[in-house]
């Protein structure tokens, strides 16, 4: 089997460098990719380009067709399409850019995938900071819902959709070899942290509207928004959700990058 290890990065080049330089080299069936998200990706990641750190550590550097902030779900969707539509990998392994590996993590992760052969799996105790899917999951569950922007609750949404399908989610890998720096991208400054609070509340409300969760992260609805005409692998841009959240973040980034 052939694997694509990937991350998407919006800010904090220091963490991105730490992340990708922790990825193993020399695994024959493993390629790597980074999607650079955001309005100002050329400015933010300039040093990584100048020092050829990206070029030396990843096989595919994916730049936005239109340099707009896509958020967590949007960035993951770019990577998924790259993996399964453009190329032909068996699995995509996605990690947060605020993570790093200790030696042996990826090898243990892949060993479990080849033994268990899940359609979808989460790294042991990584809380969706490291997850993987194959083409079957992509076709059955679909892309991540980009109405959750820029981050938070997209993982709960995908979890609900998986639990309403015949796909079983597994835990794989060795959590002792994985390090997560805890929403470090959001916490880079107070303005970004405060802005995140605004969209976090909106994402939570959208999530509850979509699934009416009463407990244990099991969806009360059997279809999105309790709409019998909607399938679990479908989502559509909700214009108020889509435009309001993106305007909030664009205004912030325009101020920070003047």
Protein backbone atom coordinates (compact mmCIF):
# COMPACT_ATOMS: atom_id res chain seq x y z
CA UNK A 1 0.00 0.00 0.00
CA UNK A 2 1.04 3.58 -0.64
CA UNK A 3 0.54 6.42 1.85
CA UNK A 4 0.46 10.23 1.73
CA UNK A 5 1.40 11.95 5.00
CA UNK A 6 0.07 15.51 4.92
CA UNK A 7 -0.65 18.69 6.84
CA UNK A 8 -2.14 22.11 6.11
CA UNK A 9 -0.63 25.24 7.62
CA UNK A 10 -2.20 28.66 8.05
CA UNK A 11 0.28 30.50 10.26
CA UNK A 12 3.17 29.86 12.68
CA UNK A 13 6.01 28.76 10.36
CA UNK A 14 8.17 27.75 13.34
CA UNK A 15 5.69 25.04 14.30
CA UNK A 16 5.30 23.92 10.69
CA UNK A 17 9.08 23.53 10.42
CA UNK A 18 9.17 21.50 13.64
CA UNK A 19 6.31 19.35 12.35
CA UNK A 20 7.68 18.46 8.92
CA UNK A 21 11.28 17.98 10.05
CA UNK A 22 10.01 15.32 12.49
CA UNK A 23 8.53 13.29 9.61
CA UNK A 24 10.52 10.16 8.74
CA UNK A 25 12.51 9.87 5.54
CA UNK A 26 13.33 6.79 3.54
CA UNK A 27 10.04 4.90 3.90
CA UNK A 28 9.53 3.59 0.37
CA UNK A 29 5.72 3.60 0.36
CA UNK A 30 5.34 7.01 2.04
CA UNK A 31 5.14 10.42 0.34
CA UNK A 32 4.53 13.76 2.06
CA UNK A 33 2.57 16.93 1.31
CA UNK A 34 1.91 20.39 2.79
CA UNK A 35 -0.92 22.70 1.80
CA UNK A 36 -0.16 26.35 2.54
CA UNK A 37 -3.43 28.04 3.45
CA UNK A 38 -4.28 31.70 3.81
CA UNK A 39 -4.28 35.17 2.35
CA UNK A 40 -0.65 35.86 3.14
CA UNK A 41 0.98 32.44 2.78
CA UNK A 42 3.88 33.82 0.69
CA UNK A 43 4.75 36.33 3.38
CA UNK A 44 4.17 34.02 6.35
CA UNK A 45 6.21 31.11 4.99
CA UNK A 46 8.85 33.17 3.17
CA UNK A 47 11.77 31.94 5.31
CA UNK A 48 10.77 28.31 4.76
CA UNK A 49 10.84 28.93 1.01
CA UNK A 50 14.10 30.90 1.13
CA UNK A 51 15.88 28.26 3.23
CA UNK A 52 14.37 25.44 1.11
CA UNK A 53 13.05 23.77 4.26
CA UNK A 54 9.79 22.86 2.55
CA UNK A 55 11.57 21.62 -0.56
CA UNK A 56 13.93 19.44 1.46
CA UNK A 57 11.32 17.85 3.72
CA UNK A 58 8.15 17.24 1.66
CA UNK A 59 7.37 15.77 -1.75
CA UNK A 60 4.42 18.02 -2.59
CA UNK A 61 4.01 21.70 -1.64
CA UNK A 62 0.47 22.73 -2.57
CA UNK A 63 -0.30 26.43 -2.88
CA UNK A 64 -3.83 27.84 -2.98
CA UNK A 65 -5.36 28.40 -6.42
CA UNK A 66 -6.97 31.50 -4.94
CA UNK A 67 -5.05 32.79 -1.90
CA UNK A 68 -7.97 32.86 0.52
CA UNK A 69 -8.13 31.25 3.95
CA UNK A 70 -9.85 27.85 3.61
CA UNK A 71 -9.70 26.83 7.26
CA UNK A 72 -9.12 23.39 8.70
CA UNK A 73 -11.84 21.51 6.76
CA UNK A 74 -11.07 23.35 3.52
CA UNK A 75 -7.36 22.59 3.79
CA UNK A 76 -8.01 18.94 4.56
CA UNK A 77 -10.32 18.74 1.54
CA UNK A 78 -7.57 20.11 -0.71
CA UNK A 79 -5.24 17.39 0.57
CA UNK A 80 -7.87 14.64 0.19
CA UNK A 81 -8.58 15.62 -3.42
CA UNK A 82 -4.85 15.74 -4.10
CA UNK A 83 -4.46 12.25 -2.63
CA UNK A 84 -7.38 10.45 -4.26
CA UNK A 85 -8.49 12.54 -7.27
CA UNK A 86 -5.18 13.84 -8.60
CA UNK A 87 -2.94 11.01 -7.41
CA UNK A 88 -3.62 7.41 -6.43
CA UNK A 89 -2.62 6.71 -2.83
CA UNK A 90 -4.27 4.02 -0.71
CA UNK A 91 -4.40 6.14 2.46
CA UNK A 92 -3.96 9.77 3.41
CA UNK A 93 -2.58 10.38 6.92
CA UNK A 94 -3.35 13.93 8.06
CA UNK A 95 -1.72 15.61 11.07
CA UNK A 96 -2.01 19.08 12.54
CA UNK A 97 0.84 21.44 11.77
CA UNK A 98 1.13 22.02 15.54
CA UNK A 99 2.28 18.43 16.08
CA UNK A 100 5.50 16.48 15.77
CA UNK A 101 6.53 12.83 15.78
CA UNK A 102 9.07 10.94 17.82
CA UNK A 103 11.00 8.24 15.96
CA UNK A 104 8.86 5.21 15.22
CA UNK A 105 5.41 6.86 15.27
CA UNK A 106 4.71 6.67 11.54
CA UNK A 107 6.14 3.17 11.25
CA UNK A 108 3.82 1.95 14.05
CA UNK A 109 0.88 3.81 12.49
CA UNK A 110 1.41 2.20 9.08
CA UNK A 111 1.99 -1.21 10.66
CA UNK A 112 -1.45 -0.99 12.32
CA UNK A 113 -3.09 0.17 9.08
CA UNK A 114 -1.69 -2.82 7.20
CA UNK A 115 -2.82 -5.20 9.94
CA UNK A 116 -6.29 -3.78 10.69
CA UNK A 117 -7.05 -2.28 7.23
CA UNK A 118 -9.60 0.28 8.49
CA UNK A 119 -11.44 2.68 6.20
CA UNK A 120 -10.98 5.46 8.77
CA UNK A 121 -8.75 5.62 11.83
CA UNK A 122 -7.55 8.11 14.42
CA UNK A 123 -4.12 8.05 16.01
CA UNK A 124 -4.31 6.57 19.49
CA UNK A 125 -5.20 9.37 21.96
CA UNK A 126 -4.53 12.09 19.36
CA UNK A 127 -8.13 13.41 19.31
CA UNK A 128 -8.32 13.94 15.52
CA UNK A 129 -4.93 15.67 15.51
CA UNK A 130 -3.83 12.66 13.48
CA UNK A 131 -6.32 10.75 11.35
CA UNK A 132 -6.36 8.64 8.21
CA UNK A 133 -8.84 7.54 5.57
CA UNK A 134 -8.85 5.44 2.42
CA UNK A 135 -10.73 5.93 -0.83
CA UNK A 136 -13.72 3.89 0.37
CA UNK A 137 -14.23 6.30 3.27
CA UNK A 138 -13.83 9.29 0.95
CA UNK A 139 -16.52 7.94 -1.37
CA UNK A 140 -18.96 6.94 1.39
CA UNK A 141 -18.57 9.77 3.93
CA UNK A 142 -17.40 12.54 1.63
CA UNK A 143 -15.38 15.67 2.25
CA UNK A 144 -15.22 17.61 5.52
CA UNK A 145 -17.91 20.27 6.03
CA UNK A 146 -16.31 23.66 5.34
CA UNK A 147 -19.12 25.53 7.10
CA UNK A 148 -17.09 24.80 10.25
CA UNK A 149 -14.57 27.62 9.90
CA UNK A 150 -11.74 28.08 10.53
CA UNK A 151 -11.64 25.18 13.02
CA UNK A 152 -13.47 23.26 15.75
CA UNK A 153 -16.48 20.93 15.57
CA UNK A 154 -15.56 19.68 12.06
CA UNK A 155 -14.19 16.53 13.72
CA UNK A 156 -17.40 15.98 15.70
CA UNK A 157 -19.40 16.38 12.49
CA UNK A 158 -17.30 13.82 10.64
CA UNK A 159 -17.54 11.47 13.61
CA UNK A 160 -21.36 11.70 13.52
CA UNK A 161 -21.37 10.93 9.81
CA UNK A 162 -19.12 7.90 10.26
CA UNK A 163 -21.31 6.54 13.07
CA UNK A 164 -24.35 6.74 10.78
CA UNK A 165 -22.54 4.66 8.15
CA UNK A 166 -21.20 1.11 7.97
CA UNK A 167 -17.65 2.38 8.42
CA UNK A 168 -16.03 1.58 11.75
CA UNK A 169 -13.58 4.05 13.23
CA UNK A 170 -10.44 2.50 14.75
CA UNK A 171 -7.60 3.78 16.93
CA UNK A 172 -4.10 3.05 15.66
CA UNK A 173 -0.49 3.89 16.39
CA UNK A 174 1.44 4.69 19.57
CA UNK A 175 0.38 7.86 21.40
CA UNK A 176 3.65 7.89 23.35
CA UNK A 177 5.45 8.83 20.14
CA UNK A 178 3.19 11.77 19.27
CA UNK A 179 3.33 15.36 20.53
CA UNK A 180 0.61 18.00 20.11
CA UNK A 181 1.14 21.63 21.08
CA UNK A 182 -2.53 22.40 21.73
CA UNK A 183 -4.15 24.89 19.32
CA UNK A 184 -0.87 26.73 19.07
CA UNK A 185 -1.80 28.25 15.69
CA UNK A 186 -4.80 30.02 17.23
CA UNK A 187 -2.88 31.11 20.31
CA UNK A 188 -0.13 32.96 18.47
CA UNK A 189 -1.60 36.30 19.58
CA UNK A 190 -4.51 37.67 21.58
CA UNK A 191 -6.38 39.10 18.59
CA UNK A 192 -6.40 35.74 16.84
CA UNK A 193 -7.45 33.99 20.05
CA UNK A 194 -10.34 36.45 20.58
CA UNK A 195 -11.45 36.08 16.97
CA UNK A 196 -11.41 32.32 17.35
CA UNK A 197 -13.82 32.63 20.28
CA UNK A 198 -16.33 34.41 18.01
CA UNK A 199 -16.28 31.71 15.34
CA UNK A 200 -16.06 28.88 17.90
CA UNK A 201 -19.47 29.87 19.27
CA UNK A 202 -20.91 30.03 15.74
CA UNK A 203 -19.44 26.62 14.87
CA UNK A 204 -20.94 25.11 18.01
CA UNK A 205 -24.39 26.48 17.17
CA UNK A 206 -24.13 25.20 13.59
CA UNK A 207 -23.07 21.76 14.84
CA UNK A 208 -26.06 21.51 17.19
CA UNK A 209 -28.41 22.69 14.44
CA UNK A 210 -27.05 20.00 12.14
CA UNK A 211 -27.15 17.06 14.57
CA UNK A 212 -29.09 18.08 17.74
CA UNK A 213 -26.55 16.36 19.98
CA UNK A 214 -28.02 15.43 23.37
CA UNK A 215 -25.04 13.50 24.70
CA UNK A 216 -22.10 11.17 24.03
CA UNK A 217 -21.46 12.73 20.59
CA UNK A 218 -24.06 10.47 18.98
CA UNK A 219 -26.24 12.31 16.47
CA UNK A 220 -29.90 12.58 17.43
CA UNK A 221 -30.74 13.11 13.76
CA UNK A 222 -30.20 10.30 11.26
CA UNK A 223 -29.66 12.73 8.39
CA UNK A 224 -28.05 16.20 8.43
CA UNK A 225 -30.48 18.81 9.80
CA UNK A 226 -33.06 16.00 10.10
CA UNK A 227 -33.62 16.43 6.36
CA UNK A 228 -34.50 13.07 4.77
CA UNK A 229 -33.33 14.36 1.39
CA UNK A 230 -29.76 14.95 2.61
CA UNK A 231 -27.16 12.18 2.67
CA UNK A 232 -24.33 11.95 5.18
CA UNK A 233 -21.74 12.42 2.44
CA UNK A 234 -23.27 15.74 1.36
CA UNK A 235 -22.74 19.26 2.61
CA UNK A 236 -23.40 22.57 0.94
CA UNK A 237 -22.07 26.04 1.70
CA UNK A 238 -24.49 27.71 4.10
CA UNK A 239 -24.08 31.27 2.88
CA UNK A 240 -24.60 33.07 6.24
CA UNK A 241 -22.25 30.61 7.99
CA UNK A 242 -19.78 30.74 5.11
CA UNK A 243 -19.59 34.50 4.57
CA UNK A 244 -19.86 35.81 8.14
CA UNK A 245 -17.09 33.62 9.57
CA UNK A 246 -14.76 34.28 6.66
CA UNK A 247 -15.31 38.03 6.88
CA UNK A 248 -14.48 37.96 10.60
CA UNK A 249 -11.14 36.27 9.88
CA UNK A 250 -10.31 38.25 6.75
CA UNK A 251 -10.76 41.52 8.65
CA UNK A 252 -8.40 40.21 11.34
CA UNK A 253 -5.71 39.03 8.92
CA UNK A 254 -5.87 42.29 6.95
CA UNK A 255 -5.19 44.17 10.21
CA UNK A 256 -2.37 41.84 11.28
CA UNK A 257 -0.61 41.93 7.90
CA UNK A 258 -0.75 45.62 7.05
